Amino acid sequence: MPFGISLPELLILLVVLLLVFGAKRLPEMGKSLGKGMREFKDAVSGIDEPTTPTPSEPAELPPVNSQPTAMPQSGEAEESEREKVS
């Protein structure tokens, strides 16, 4: 085992950590510890690129109509329907 820690000592350490921090907090601490170790390794090795790929160009948006279509108001719609019926 690393640092001369045997299995019973490691189990005692894990039980103490569980009692001190609680079962809900331990996974969060492990995640943050792993993230910190990864960032440290990347900084030491000289890797400056992010681990997630970023798109090189933004996606194109569809063209916009020059004249937007206006929706008739509720009163205007009733008047236009009355005119069609008459």
Protein backbone atom coordinates (compact mmCIF):
# COMPACT_ATOMS: atom_id res chain seq x y z
CA MET A 1 0.00 0.00 0.00
CA PRO A 2 1.19 3.56 -0.62
CA PHE A 3 2.76 5.52 2.25
CA GLY A 4 2.96 2.40 4.43
CA ILE A 5 -0.80 2.32 5.15
CA SER A 6 -2.16 -1.19 5.56
CA LEU A 7 -5.75 -2.31 4.90
CA PRO A 8 -7.01 -2.08 8.53
CA GLU A 9 -5.57 1.44 8.89
CA LEU A 10 -7.22 2.47 5.62
CA LEU A 11 -10.60 1.11 6.78
CA ILE A 12 -10.31 2.98 10.09
CA LEU A 13 -9.49 6.18 8.20
CA LEU A 14 -12.52 5.74 5.91
CA VAL A 15 -14.83 5.12 8.90
CA VAL A 16 -13.56 8.27 10.64
CA LEU A 17 -14.05 10.31 7.45
CA LEU A 18 -17.58 8.93 7.12
CA LEU A 19 -18.40 9.89 10.70
CA VAL A 20 -16.88 13.38 10.44
CA PHE A 21 -18.20 14.45 7.02
CA GLY A 22 -21.27 12.25 6.54
CA ALA A 23 -22.38 10.02 3.70
CA LYS A 24 -23.83 12.87 1.66
CA ARG A 25 -20.68 15.01 1.69
CA LEU A 26 -18.06 12.30 0.93
CA PRO A 27 -18.90 11.83 -2.80
CA GLU A 28 -18.75 15.60 -3.35
CA MET A 29 -15.35 15.73 -1.67
CA GLY A 30 -14.07 12.83 -3.76
CA LYS A 31 -15.24 14.49 -6.96
CA SER A 32 -13.58 17.80 -6.09
CA LEU A 33 -10.38 16.01 -5.04
CA GLY A 34 -10.26 14.12 -8.35
CA LYS A 35 -10.88 17.30 -10.32
CA GLY A 36 -8.11 19.09 -8.46
CA MET A 37 -5.66 16.25 -9.04
CA ARG A 38 -6.53 16.20 -12.76
CA GLU A 39 -6.00 19.97 -13.05
CA PHE A 40 -2.67 19.68 -11.22
CA LYS A 41 -1.52 16.86 -13.53
CA ASP A 42 -2.50 18.86 -16.61
CA ALA A 43 -0.69 21.95 -15.30
CA VAL A 44 2.48 19.99 -14.57
CA SER A 45 2.47 18.18 -17.93
CA GLY A 46 1.85 21.45 -19.81
CA ILE A 47 -1.49 20.57 -21.36
CA ASP A 48 -3.43 23.80 -21.89
CA GLU A 49 -6.30 22.43 -24.00
CA PRO A 50 -9.69 21.84 -22.40
CA THR A 51 -10.82 18.22 -22.21
CA THR A 52 -14.16 18.94 -23.90
CA PRO A 53 -14.06 19.79 -27.61
CA THR A 54 -15.37 23.19 -28.62
CA PRO A 55 -16.97 23.85 -32.01
CA SER A 56 -14.74 25.80 -34.39
CA GLU A 57 -17.56 27.79 -35.99
CA PRO A 58 -20.95 28.74 -34.57
CA ALA A 59 -23.98 27.16 -36.18
CA GLU A 60 -25.70 29.24 -38.83
CA LEU A 61 -29.13 30.62 -38.05
CA PRO A 62 -31.95 30.46 -40.59
CA PRO A 63 -32.54 33.67 -42.62
CA VAL A 64 -34.92 36.22 -41.15
CA ASN A 65 -37.90 37.46 -43.19
CA SER A 66 -37.66 41.16 -44.01
CA GLN A 67 -41.38 41.77 -43.33
CA PRO A 68 -42.78 40.02 -40.29
CA THR A 69 -46.34 38.83 -40.51
CA ALA A 70 -48.62 40.54 -38.02
CA MET A 71 -51.24 38.57 -36.19
CA PRO A 72 -54.63 40.34 -36.08
CA GLN A 73 -55.90 41.39 -32.69
CA SER A 74 -58.92 39.56 -31.31
CA GLY A 75 -61.26 42.45 -32.23
CA GLU A 76 -59.79 42.74 -35.73
CA ALA A 77 -60.20 39.03 -36.33
CA GLU A 78 -63.90 39.16 -35.43
CA GLU A 79 -64.44 42.15 -37.77
CA SER A 80 -62.68 40.45 -40.66
CA GLU A 81 -64.75 37.29 -40.15
CA ARG A 82 -67.97 39.36 -40.14
CA GLU A 83 -66.92 41.03 -43.42
CA LYS A 84 -66.28 37.62 -45.03
CA VAL A 85 -69.71 36.34 -43.98
CA SER A 86 -71.58 39.46 -45.22
